[in-house]
Amino acid sequence: METDLGLWAVPLAMLAGAIRVSTPFIFVSLGECLTERSGRINLGLEGTLVMGAMSAYGVALQTGSPWAGVLVAGLIGLLLGGLHAAICNLPRVNDIATGIALMLAATGLAFFLGKPLVQPKAPNLSAVELGWWSDIPQVRSALQVNWLFVLGIVLAPALWWALRKTRWGLVVRLAGESVDAARAIGVSVAWVRLLATAAGGFLSGIGGAFLSLYYPGSWNEGLSSGQGLMAVALVIFARWNPLRCLWASLLFGAAGAISPALQSVGVTQGYYLFGAAPYVLTLAIMIITCSPERSLRGAPAELGATR
């Protein structure tokens, strides 16, 4: 028996959206946050996200294990991140141009290799039923939490703590703030950035695996909808803080659920307009919170955009 929740269906749908839609943003934004704190920009994360989604789906289909797909997606992201960092460590190579080139190459390769995967159905990741106590289907659906979301919730404060409180975090931040100071204490800036960018790619690949193996849980060429590029904007909005990346991702996920939430209570006019809400919201927040004096507050000094 289905219960009519009336307008309560809207916040429930937005809660579900915050949990599901935000998960890939959490991983990609945390990965880019780590990369940029080391002084490197990686705009190729859209390609990493798509390549991770395709490889995860293919491996899950062949092995029957979605978690094997998650692992392979992370390793693919690790390789792409490491490749980006290795190229950018060469003399007179621009981070942004390299990232865009790798994004196009990885996206095209994923589309080419993923064509046989459009029709077959791979096993999906399981979810934790936190709404078991309720008899209302909408509540039970909204409180379905995937383990990757739980991992992202734990990873954000862990990364924040590591960057602030550990020697490893100090080395990463020093590489992003001052190359001369890092070299003065014997730190190889190129090596630090290689490791940080590869680790960021690993997280982004896992974010792609969530898309194909849980929500929406299939493989097609329009799967990411620019989420990799949007995550870069979220890092700027979050002022390069992992905890703020988490909250920004949740906010974007909730905004992305506005359109289907309103449709569930009978509001069908302006469906596509409401569907653009997360992009409009992100643009509005960036404009409101930025000014010529503080637009790059918190940005690592060695980022290519701030030199």
C-alpha atoms as a PDB file:
ATOM      1  CA  MET A   1       0.000   0.000   0.000  1.00  0.00           C
ATOM      2  CA  GLU A   2       1.508   3.321  -1.089  1.00  0.00           C
ATOM      3  CA  THR A   3       1.216   6.300   1.232  1.00  0.00           C
ATOM      4  CA  ASP A   4       0.553   9.812  -0.073  1.00  0.00           C
ATOM      5  CA  LEU A   5       3.058  12.052   1.694  1.00  0.00           C
ATOM      6  CA  GLY A   6       1.929  15.244  -0.018  1.00  0.00           C
ATOM      7  CA  LEU A   7       4.552  17.983   0.078  1.00  0.00           C
ATOM      8  CA  TRP A   8       6.734  15.859   2.381  1.00  0.00           C
ATOM      9  CA  ALA A   9       7.705  13.927  -0.748  1.00  0.00           C
ATOM     10  CA  VAL A  10       9.774  16.919  -1.893  1.00  0.00           C
ATOM     11  CA  PRO A  11      12.266  17.017   1.030  1.00  0.00           C
ATOM     12  CA  LEU A  12      12.450  13.209   0.997  1.00  0.00           C
ATOM     13  CA  ALA A  13      13.325  13.223  -2.702  1.00  0.00           C
ATOM     14  CA  MET A  14      15.908  15.941  -2.134  1.00  0.00           C
ATOM     15  CA  LEU A  15      17.413  13.901   0.711  1.00  0.00           C
ATOM     16  CA  ALA A  16      17.682  10.910  -1.607  1.00  0.00           C
ATOM     17  CA  GLY A  17      19.256  13.158  -4.235  1.00  0.00           C
ATOM     18  CA  ALA A  18      21.759  14.543  -1.738  1.00  0.00           C
ATOM     19  CA  ILE A  19      22.815  10.982  -0.894  1.00  0.00           C
ATOM     20  CA  ARG A  20      22.933   9.526  -4.397  1.00  0.00           C
ATOM     21  CA  VAL A  21      23.781  12.369  -6.758  1.00  0.00           C
ATOM     22  CA  SER A  22      26.431  13.811  -4.457  1.00  0.00           C
ATOM     23  CA  THR A  23      28.543  10.651  -4.155  1.00  0.00           C
ATOM     24  CA  PRO A  24      30.541  10.996  -7.400  1.00  0.00           C
ATOM     25  CA  PHE A  25      30.967  14.710  -6.664  1.00  0.00           C
ATOM     26  CA  ILE A  26      32.408  13.870  -3.250  1.00  0.00           C
ATOM     27  CA  PHE A  27      35.082  11.609  -4.702  1.00  0.00           C
ATOM     28  CA  VAL A  28      35.980  13.796  -7.674  1.00  0.00           C
ATOM     29  CA  SER A  29      36.061  17.028  -5.647  1.00  0.00           C
ATOM     30  CA  LEU A  30      38.200  15.430  -2.917  1.00  0.00           C
ATOM     31  CA  GLY A  31      40.538  14.092  -5.581  1.00  0.00           C
ATOM     32  CA  GLU A  32      40.857  17.486  -7.234  1.00  0.00           C
ATOM     33  CA  CYS A  33      41.237  19.184  -3.846  1.00  0.00           C
ATOM     34  CA  LEU A  34      44.210  16.946  -3.043  1.00  0.00           C
ATOM     35  CA  THR A  35      45.687  17.536  -6.496  1.00  0.00           C
ATOM     36  CA  GLU A  36      45.367  21.308  -6.320  1.00  0.00           C
ATOM     37  CA  ARG A  37      46.719  21.502  -2.776  1.00  0.00           C
ATOM     38  CA  SER A  38      49.946  20.128  -4.227  1.00  0.00           C
ATOM     39  CA  GLY A  39      50.039  22.918  -6.822  1.00  0.00           C
ATOM     40  CA  ARG A  40      48.721  20.985  -9.810  1.00  0.00           C
ATOM     41  CA  ILE A  41      45.451  21.525 -11.732  1.00  0.00           C
ATOM     42  CA  ASN A  42      43.775  18.549 -13.395  1.00  0.00           C
ATOM     43  CA  LEU A  43      40.914  19.436 -15.726  1.00  0.00           C
ATOM     44  CA  GLY A  44      40.969  15.925 -17.153  1.00  0.00           C
ATOM     45  CA  LEU A  45      38.800  14.533 -14.349  1.00  0.00           C
ATOM     46  CA  GLU A  46      35.739  14.427 -16.597  1.00  0.00           C
ATOM     47  CA  GLY A  47      37.575  11.925 -18.762  1.00  0.00           C
ATOM     48  CA  THR A  48      38.743  10.033 -15.665  1.00  0.00           C
ATOM     49  CA  LEU A  49      35.165   9.871 -14.394  1.00  0.00           C
ATOM     50  CA  VAL A  50      33.839   8.507 -17.702  1.00  0.00           C
ATOM     51  CA  MET A  51      36.716   6.069 -18.126  1.00  0.00           C
ATOM     52  CA  GLY A  52      36.246   4.856 -14.558  1.00  0.00           C
ATOM     53  CA  ALA A  53      32.526   4.327 -15.136  1.00  0.00           C
ATOM     54  CA  MET A  54      33.125   2.345 -18.320  1.00  0.00           C
ATOM     55  CA  SER A  55      35.919   0.184 -16.923  1.00  0.00           C
ATOM     56  CA  ALA A  56      34.020  -0.532 -13.699  1.00  0.00           C
ATOM     57  CA  TYR A  57      30.953  -1.619 -15.637  1.00  0.00           C
ATOM     58  CA  GLY A  58      32.957  -3.821 -17.982  1.00  0.00           C
ATOM     59  CA  VAL A  59      34.870  -5.536 -15.172  1.00  0.00           C
ATOM     60  CA  ALA A  60      31.710  -6.052 -13.103  1.00  0.00           C
ATOM     61  CA  LEU A  61      30.017  -7.561 -16.148  1.00  0.00           C
ATOM     62  CA  GLN A  62      32.893  -9.960 -16.834  1.00  0.00           C
ATOM     63  CA  THR A  63      33.670 -10.976 -13.247  1.00  0.00           C
ATOM     64  CA  GLY A  64      30.250 -10.674 -11.620  1.00  0.00           C
ATOM     65  CA  SER A  65      31.822  -8.584  -8.840  1.00  0.00           C
ATOM     66  CA  PRO A  66      30.945  -4.866  -8.719  1.00  0.00           C
ATOM     67  CA  TRP A  67      33.661  -4.252  -6.124  1.00  0.00           C
ATOM     68  CA  ALA A  68      36.251  -5.595  -8.563  1.00  0.00           C
ATOM     69  CA  GLY A  69      34.907  -2.978 -10.971  1.00  0.00           C
ATOM     70  CA  VAL A  70      35.344  -0.259  -8.340  1.00  0.00           C
ATOM     71  CA  LEU A  71      38.964  -1.297  -7.774  1.00  0.00           C
ATOM     72  CA  VAL A  72      39.781  -1.346 -11.485  1.00  0.00           C
ATOM     73  CA  ALA A  73      38.099   2.035 -11.963  1.00  0.00           C
ATOM     74  CA  GLY A  74      40.300   3.465  -9.214  1.00  0.00           C
ATOM     75  CA  LEU A  75      43.417   1.987 -10.821  1.00  0.00           C
ATOM     76  CA  ILE A  76      42.450   3.436 -14.211  1.00  0.00           C
ATOM     77  CA  GLY A  77      42.048   6.821 -12.543  1.00  0.00           C
ATOM     78  CA  LEU A  78      45.431   6.338 -10.855  1.00  0.00           C
ATOM     79  CA  LEU A  79      47.088   5.738 -14.227  1.00  0.00           C
ATOM     80  CA  LEU A  80      45.393   8.727 -15.876  1.00  0.00           C
ATOM     81  CA  GLY A  81      46.276  10.993 -12.956  1.00  0.00           C
ATOM     82  CA  GLY A  82      49.862   9.798 -12.974  1.00  0.00           C
ATOM     83  CA  LEU A  83      50.066  10.335 -16.745  1.00  0.00           C
ATOM     84  CA  HIS A  84      48.741  13.881 -16.367  1.00  0.00           C
ATOM     85  CA  ALA A  85      51.273  14.674 -13.638  1.00  0.00           C
ATOM     86  CA  ALA A  86      54.174  13.116 -15.549  1.00  0.00           C
ATOM     87  CA  ILE A  87      53.405  15.183 -18.655  1.00  0.00           C
ATOM     88  CA  CYS A  88      52.958  18.362 -16.622  1.00  0.00           C
ATOM     89  CA  ASN A  89      56.343  17.820 -14.947  1.00  0.00           C
ATOM     90  CA  LEU A  90      57.999  18.311 -18.344  1.00  0.00           C
ATOM     91  CA  PRO A  91      59.409  21.772 -19.122  1.00  0.00           C
ATOM     92  CA  ARG A  92      57.009  24.405 -20.536  1.00  0.00           C
ATOM     93  CA  VAL A  93      53.897  22.201 -20.333  1.00  0.00           C
ATOM     94  CA  ASN A  94      50.621  23.849 -19.322  1.00  0.00           C
ATOM     95  CA  ASP A  95      48.470  22.053 -16.728  1.00  0.00           C
ATOM     96  CA  ILE A  96      45.156  23.235 -18.151  1.00  0.00           C
ATOM     97  CA  ALA A  97      45.903  22.394 -21.793  1.00  0.00           C
ATOM     98  CA  THR A  98      47.203  18.959 -20.819  1.00  0.00           C
ATOM     99  CA  GLY A  99      44.146  18.270 -18.686  1.00  0.00           C
ATOM    100  CA  ILE A 100      41.741  19.189 -21.479  1.00  0.00           C
ATOM    101  CA  ALA A 101      43.655  17.033 -23.964  1.00  0.00           C
ATOM    102  CA  LEU A 102      43.585  14.027 -21.639  1.00  0.00           C
ATOM    103  CA  MET A 103      39.899  14.620 -20.894  1.00  0.00           C
ATOM    104  CA  LEU A 104      39.038  14.448 -24.596  1.00  0.00           C
ATOM    105  CA  ALA A 105      41.285  11.432 -25.161  1.00  0.00           C
ATOM    106  CA  ALA A 106      39.953   9.463 -22.170  1.00  0.00           C
ATOM    107  CA  THR A 107      36.321  10.301 -22.965  1.00  0.00           C
ATOM    108  CA  GLY A 108      36.700   9.262 -26.582  1.00  0.00           C
ATOM    109  CA  LEU A 109      38.486   6.041 -25.603  1.00  0.00           C
ATOM    110  CA  ALA A 110      35.756   5.219 -23.057  1.00  0.00           C
ATOM    111  CA  PHE A 111      33.020   5.761 -25.651  1.00  0.00           C
ATOM    112  CA  PHE A 112      34.860   3.567 -28.175  1.00  0.00           C
ATOM    113  CA  LEU A 113      35.629   0.708 -25.775  1.00  0.00           C
ATOM    114  CA  GLY A 114      32.255   0.939 -24.054  1.00  0.00           C
ATOM    115  CA  LYS A 115      30.025   0.463 -27.090  1.00  0.00           C
ATOM    116  CA  PRO A 116      29.536  -3.292 -26.430  1.00  0.00           C
ATOM    117  CA  LEU A 117      28.521  -2.470 -22.815  1.00  0.00           C
ATOM    118  CA  VAL A 118      25.433  -0.358 -23.567  1.00  0.00           C
ATOM    119  CA  GLN A 119      22.931  -3.263 -23.659  1.00  0.00           C
ATOM    120  CA  PRO A 120      24.270  -5.880 -21.165  1.00  0.00           C
ATOM    121  CA  LYS A 121      23.316  -5.554 -17.495  1.00  0.00           C
ATOM    122  CA  ALA A 122      26.157  -5.699 -14.965  1.00  0.00           C
ATOM    123  CA  PRO A 123      25.627  -6.454 -11.261  1.00  0.00           C
ATOM    124  CA  ASN A 124      25.193  -3.290  -9.197  1.00  0.00           C
ATOM    125  CA  LEU A 125      26.634  -2.303  -5.845  1.00  0.00           C
ATOM    126  CA  SER A 126      24.446  -3.079  -2.851  1.00  0.00           C
ATOM    127  CA  ALA A 127      22.932  -0.474  -0.522  1.00  0.00           C
ATOM    128  CA  VAL A 128      22.441  -0.217   3.226  1.00  0.00           C
ATOM    129  CA  GLU A 129      18.741  -0.041   4.125  1.00  0.00           C
ATOM    130  CA  LEU A 130      18.701   2.654   6.810  1.00  0.00           C
ATOM    131  CA  GLY A 131      14.946   3.060   6.389  1.00  0.00           C
ATOM    132  CA  TRP A 132      14.110  -0.506   7.495  1.00  0.00           C
ATOM    133  CA  TRP A 133      12.127   0.859  10.436  1.00  0.00           C
ATOM    134  CA  SER A 134       9.550   2.575   8.185  1.00  0.00           C
ATOM    135  CA  ASP A 135       6.620   1.075   6.283  1.00  0.00           C
ATOM    136  CA  ILE A 136       6.526   4.047   3.893  1.00  0.00           C
ATOM    137  CA  PRO A 137       8.177   3.188   0.529  1.00  0.00           C
ATOM    138  CA  GLN A 138       9.340   6.784  -0.075  1.00  0.00           C
ATOM    139  CA  VAL A 139      11.154   6.860   3.266  1.00  0.00           C
ATOM    140  CA  ARG A 140      12.798   3.505   2.672  1.00  0.00           C
ATOM    141  CA  SER A 141      13.907   4.604  -0.809  1.00  0.00           C
ATOM    142  CA  ALA A 142      15.296   7.936   0.430  1.00  0.00           C
ATOM    143  CA  LEU A 143      17.352   6.205   3.129  1.00  0.00           C
ATOM    144  CA  GLN A 144      19.055   3.685   0.859  1.00  0.00           C
ATOM    145  CA  VAL A 145      22.740   4.448   1.346  1.00  0.00           C
ATOM    146  CA  ASN A 146      25.504   2.966  -0.757  1.00  0.00           C
ATOM    147  CA  TRP A 147      28.773   1.988   0.903  1.00  0.00           C
ATOM    148  CA  LEU A 148      30.699   4.350  -1.369  1.00  0.00           C
ATOM    149  CA  PHE A 149      28.704   7.259   0.062  1.00  0.00           C
ATOM    150  CA  VAL A 150      29.675   6.116   3.560  1.00  0.00           C
ATOM    151  CA  LEU A 151      33.312   5.892   2.448  1.00  0.00           C
ATOM    152  CA  GLY A 152      33.136   9.436   1.045  1.00  0.00           C
ATOM    153  CA  ILE A 153      31.675  10.769   4.292  1.00  0.00           C
ATOM    154  CA  VAL A 154      34.580   9.206   6.211  1.00  0.00           C
ATOM    155  CA  LEU A 155      37.214  10.183   3.655  1.00  0.00           C
ATOM    156  CA  ALA A 156      36.469  13.935   3.703  1.00  0.00           C
ATOM    157  CA  PRO A 157      37.347  14.562   7.394  1.00  0.00           C
ATOM    158  CA  ALA A 158      40.210  12.064   7.140  1.00  0.00           C
ATOM    159  CA  LEU A 159      41.751  14.020   4.257  1.00  0.00           C
ATOM    160  CA  TRP A 160      41.164  17.322   6.066  1.00  0.00           C
ATOM    161  CA  TRP A 161      42.948  15.960   9.135  1.00  0.00           C
ATOM    162  CA  ALA A 162      45.799  14.475   7.122  1.00  0.00           C
ATOM    163  CA  LEU A 163      46.463  17.728   5.265  1.00  0.00           C
ATOM    164  CA  ARG A 164      46.520  19.745   8.478  1.00  0.00           C
ATOM    165  CA  LYS A 165      48.044  17.424  11.061  1.00  0.00           C
ATOM    166  CA  THR A 166      50.499  15.055   9.358  1.00  0.00           C
ATOM    167  CA  ARG A 167      53.948  15.471   7.905  1.00  0.00           C
ATOM    168  CA  TRP A 168      52.638  14.082   4.629  1.00  0.00           C
ATOM    169  CA  GLY A 169      49.976  16.791   4.555  1.00  0.00           C
ATOM    170  CA  LEU A 170      52.552  19.462   5.328  1.00  0.00           C
ATOM    171  CA  VAL A 171      54.704  18.305   2.418  1.00  0.00           C
ATOM    172  CA  VAL A 172      51.722  18.375   0.032  1.00  0.00           C
ATOM    173  CA  ARG A 173      50.687  21.860   1.159  1.00  0.00           C
ATOM    174  CA  LEU A 174      54.255  23.116   0.981  1.00  0.00           C
ATOM    175  CA  ALA A 175      54.576  21.886  -2.611  1.00  0.00           C
ATOM    176  CA  GLY A 176      51.417  23.868  -3.430  1.00  0.00           C
ATOM    177  CA  GLU A 177      52.420  27.017  -1.589  1.00  0.00           C
ATOM    178  CA  SER A 178      56.125  27.457  -2.307  1.00  0.00           C
ATOM    179  CA  VAL A 179      58.359  25.404  -4.570  1.00  0.00           C
ATOM    180  CA  ASP A 180      61.472  27.122  -3.205  1.00  0.00           C
ATOM    181  CA  ALA A 181      60.558  26.346   0.416  1.00  0.00           C
ATOM    182  CA  ALA A 182      59.831  22.716  -0.446  1.00  0.00           C
ATOM    183  CA  ARG A 183      63.145  22.327  -2.209  1.00  0.00           C
ATOM    184  CA  ALA A 184      64.932  23.994   0.686  1.00  0.00           C
ATOM    185  CA  ILE A 185      63.952  21.125   3.004  1.00  0.00           C
ATOM    186  CA  GLY A 186      64.833  18.481   0.425  1.00  0.00           C
ATOM    187  CA  VAL A 187      61.334  17.747  -0.943  1.00  0.00           C
ATOM    188  CA  SER A 188      60.982  16.663  -4.565  1.00  0.00           C
ATOM    189  CA  VAL A 189      58.080  18.819  -5.740  1.00  0.00           C
ATOM    190  CA  ALA A 190      57.654  16.851  -8.967  1.00  0.00           C
ATOM    191  CA  TRP A 191      57.390  13.580  -7.047  1.00  0.00           C
ATOM    192  CA  VAL A 192      54.911  15.007  -4.511  1.00  0.00           C
ATOM    193  CA  ARG A 193      52.688  16.353  -7.280  1.00  0.00           C
ATOM    194  CA  LEU A 194      52.886  13.069  -9.161  1.00  0.00           C
ATOM    195  CA  LEU A 195      51.678  11.130  -6.119  1.00  0.00           C
ATOM    196  CA  ALA A 196      48.989  13.666  -5.213  1.00  0.00           C
ATOM    197  CA  THR A 197      47.631  13.843  -8.772  1.00  0.00           C
ATOM    198  CA  ALA A 198      47.654  10.053  -9.117  1.00  0.00           C
ATOM    199  CA  ALA A 199      45.800   9.712  -5.790  1.00  0.00           C
ATOM    200  CA  GLY A 200      43.303  12.338  -6.937  1.00  0.00           C
ATOM    201  CA  GLY A 201      42.760  10.362 -10.135  1.00  0.00           C
ATOM    202  CA  PHE A 202      42.201   7.201  -8.100  1.00  0.00           C
ATOM    203  CA  LEU A 203      39.374   8.883  -6.164  1.00  0.00           C
ATOM    204  CA  SER A 204      37.856  10.255  -9.369  1.00  0.00           C
ATOM    205  CA  GLY A 205      37.846   6.801 -10.942  1.00  0.00           C
ATOM    206  CA  ILE A 206      35.910   5.472  -7.949  1.00  0.00           C
ATOM    207  CA  GLY A 207      33.398   8.283  -8.420  1.00  0.00           C
ATOM    208  CA  GLY A 208      32.890   7.086 -11.985  1.00  0.00           C
ATOM    209  CA  ALA A 209      32.331   3.523 -10.767  1.00  0.00           C
ATOM    210  CA  PHE A 210      29.450   4.761  -8.592  1.00  0.00           C
ATOM    211  CA  LEU A 211      27.714   6.199 -11.646  1.00  0.00           C
ATOM    212  CA  SER A 212      27.703   2.997 -13.662  1.00  0.00           C
ATOM    213  CA  LEU A 213      27.335   0.482 -10.825  1.00  0.00           C
ATOM    214  CA  TYR A 214      24.788   2.155  -8.560  1.00  0.00           C
ATOM    215  CA  TYR A 215      23.170   5.425  -9.632  1.00  0.00           C
ATOM    216  CA  PRO A 216      21.946   5.493 -12.318  1.00  0.00           C
ATOM    217  CA  GLY A 217      23.504   2.027 -12.531  1.00  0.00           C
ATOM    218  CA  SER A 218      24.121   1.554 -16.245  1.00  0.00           C
ATOM    219  CA  TRP A 219      26.629   2.523 -18.909  1.00  0.00           C
ATOM    220  CA  ASN A 220      25.919   5.032 -21.657  1.00  0.00           C
ATOM    221  CA  GLU A 221      27.795   7.887 -23.284  1.00  0.00           C
ATOM    222  CA  GLY A 222      25.843  10.634 -21.494  1.00  0.00           C
ATOM    223  CA  LEU A 223      26.434   9.199 -18.041  1.00  0.00           C
ATOM    224  CA  SER A 224      28.522  11.934 -16.396  1.00  0.00           C
ATOM    225  CA  SER A 225      26.793  15.094 -17.707  1.00  0.00           C
ATOM    226  CA  GLY A 226      29.887  17.180 -17.012  1.00  0.00           C
ATOM    227  CA  GLN A 227      30.183  16.206 -13.346  1.00  0.00           C
ATOM    228  CA  GLY A 228      33.976  16.025 -13.535  1.00  0.00           C
ATOM    229  CA  LEU A 229      34.254  19.642 -14.665  1.00  0.00           C
ATOM    230  CA  MET A 230      31.606  20.765 -12.174  1.00  0.00           C
ATOM    231  CA  ALA A 231      33.611  19.178  -9.356  1.00  0.00           C
ATOM    232  CA  VAL A 232      36.510  21.512 -10.178  1.00  0.00           C
ATOM    233  CA  ALA A 233      34.171  24.467  -9.617  1.00  0.00           C
ATOM    234  CA  LEU A 234      33.050  22.908  -6.331  1.00  0.00           C
ATOM    235  CA  VAL A 235      36.663  22.820  -5.133  1.00  0.00           C
ATOM    236  CA  ILE A 236      36.987  26.558  -5.776  1.00  0.00           C
ATOM    237  CA  PHE A 237      33.670  27.202  -4.026  1.00  0.00           C
ATOM    238  CA  ALA A 238      34.867  25.072  -1.094  1.00  0.00           C
ATOM    239  CA  ARG A 239      38.088  27.098  -0.883  1.00  0.00           C
ATOM    240  CA  TRP A 240      40.267  23.988  -1.233  1.00  0.00           C
ATOM    241  CA  ASN A 241      38.934  22.536   2.025  1.00  0.00           C
ATOM    242  CA  PRO A 242      37.981  18.806   1.992  1.00  0.00           C
ATOM    243  CA  LEU A 243      35.202  19.271   4.563  1.00  0.00           C
ATOM    244  CA  ARG A 244      33.661  22.068   2.530  1.00  0.00           C
ATOM    245  CA  CYS A 245      33.959  19.889  -0.577  1.00  0.00           C
ATOM    246  CA  LEU A 246      31.730  17.383   1.196  1.00  0.00           C
ATOM    247  CA  TRP A 247      29.066  19.981   2.044  1.00  0.00           C
ATOM    248  CA  ALA A 248      29.220  21.519  -1.427  1.00  0.00           C
ATOM    249  CA  SER A 249      28.721  18.080  -2.993  1.00  0.00           C
ATOM    250  CA  LEU A 250      25.697  17.396  -0.778  1.00  0.00           C
ATOM    251  CA  LEU A 251      24.241  20.782  -1.689  1.00  0.00           C
ATOM    252  CA  PHE A 252      24.680  20.098  -5.393  1.00  0.00           C
ATOM    253  CA  GLY A 253      23.137  16.638  -5.010  1.00  0.00           C
ATOM    254  CA  ALA A 254      20.063  18.067  -3.289  1.00  0.00           C
ATOM    255  CA  ALA A 255      19.721  20.743  -5.969  1.00  0.00           C
ATOM    256  CA  GLY A 256      19.893  18.070  -8.651  1.00  0.00           C
ATOM    257  CA  ALA A 257      16.863  16.346  -7.091  1.00  0.00           C
ATOM    258  CA  ILE A 258      14.616  19.429  -7.175  1.00  0.00           C
ATOM    259  CA  SER A 259      13.138  18.664 -10.583  1.00  0.00           C
ATOM    260  CA  PRO A 260      12.146  15.002  -9.960  1.00  0.00           C
ATOM    261  CA  ALA A 261      10.982  15.932  -6.448  1.00  0.00           C
ATOM    262  CA  LEU A 262       8.557  18.537  -7.764  1.00  0.00           C
ATOM    263  CA  GLN A 263       7.407  16.154 -10.454  1.00  0.00           C
ATOM    264  CA  SER A 264       6.547  13.590  -7.755  1.00  0.00           C
ATOM    265  CA  VAL A 265       3.982  15.999  -6.261  1.00  0.00           C
ATOM    266  CA  GLY A 266       2.446  16.903  -9.596  1.00  0.00           C
ATOM    267  CA  VAL A 267       4.495  19.954 -10.600  1.00  0.00           C
ATOM    268  CA  THR A 268       5.349  19.175 -14.208  1.00  0.00           C
ATOM    269  CA  GLN A 269       5.692  22.615 -15.777  1.00  0.00           C
ATOM    270  CA  GLY A 270       9.240  23.898 -16.080  1.00  0.00           C
ATOM    271  CA  TYR A 271      10.738  20.413 -15.652  1.00  0.00           C
ATOM    272  CA  TYR A 272      13.841  21.197 -17.715  1.00  0.00           C
ATOM    273  CA  LEU A 273      14.216  24.602 -16.088  1.00  0.00           C
ATOM    274  CA  PHE A 274      14.297  23.026 -12.628  1.00  0.00           C
ATOM    275  CA  GLY A 275      16.669  20.404 -14.004  1.00  0.00           C
ATOM    276  CA  ALA A 276      19.214  23.186 -14.559  1.00  0.00           C
ATOM    277  CA  ALA A 277      18.958  24.201 -10.880  1.00  0.00           C
ATOM    278  CA  PRO A 278      22.291  22.711  -9.736  1.00  0.00           C
ATOM    279  CA  TYR A 279      24.228  24.487 -12.488  1.00  0.00           C
ATOM    280  CA  VAL A 280      22.451  27.792 -11.899  1.00  0.00           C
ATOM    281  CA  LEU A 281      22.955  27.408  -8.142  1.00  0.00           C
ATOM    282  CA  THR A 282      26.659  26.735  -8.524  1.00  0.00           C
ATOM    283  CA  LEU A 283      27.107  29.739 -10.822  1.00  0.00           C
ATOM    284  CA  ALA A 284      25.125  31.988  -8.466  1.00  0.00           C
ATOM    285  CA  ILE A 285      27.120  30.884  -5.418  1.00  0.00           C
ATOM    286  CA  MET A 286      30.405  31.431  -7.235  1.00  0.00           C
ATOM    287  CA  ILE A 287      29.348  34.964  -8.243  1.00  0.00           C
ATOM    288  CA  ILE A 288      28.009  35.878  -4.796  1.00  0.00           C
ATOM    289  CA  THR A 289      30.927  34.535  -2.787  1.00  0.00           C
ATOM    290  CA  CYS A 290      33.705  35.789  -5.074  1.00  0.00           C
ATOM    291  CA  SER A 291      35.018  39.290  -5.529  1.00  0.00           C
ATOM    292  CA  PRO A 292      38.182  40.770  -7.074  1.00  0.00           C
ATOM    293  CA  GLU A 293      39.716  40.964  -3.589  1.00  0.00           C
ATOM    294  CA  ARG A 294      38.898  37.478  -2.305  1.00  0.00           C
ATOM    295  CA  SER A 295      38.078  35.330  -5.350  1.00  0.00           C
ATOM    296  CA  LEU A 296      41.139  33.119  -4.854  1.00  0.00           C
ATOM    297  CA  ARG A 297      41.262  33.173  -1.051  1.00  0.00           C
ATOM    298  CA  GLY A 298      42.594  29.837   0.122  1.00  0.00           C
ATOM    299  CA  ALA A 299      44.058  28.936  -3.261  1.00  0.00           C
ATOM    300  CA  PRO A 300      47.517  27.323  -3.191  1.00  0.00           C
ATOM    301  CA  ALA A 301      50.003  29.936  -4.342  1.00  0.00           C
ATOM    302  CA  GLU A 302      51.654  27.639  -6.890  1.00  0.00           C
ATOM    303  CA  LEU A 303      48.498  26.867  -8.873  1.00  0.00           C
ATOM    304  CA  GLY A 304      48.911  27.773 -12.550  1.00  0.00           C
ATOM    305  CA  ALA A 305      45.903  30.116 -12.333  1.00  0.00           C
ATOM    306  CA  THR A 306      47.481  32.172  -9.565  1.00  0.00           C
ATOM    307  CA  ARG A 307      51.025  32.561 -10.852  1.00  0.00           C
END
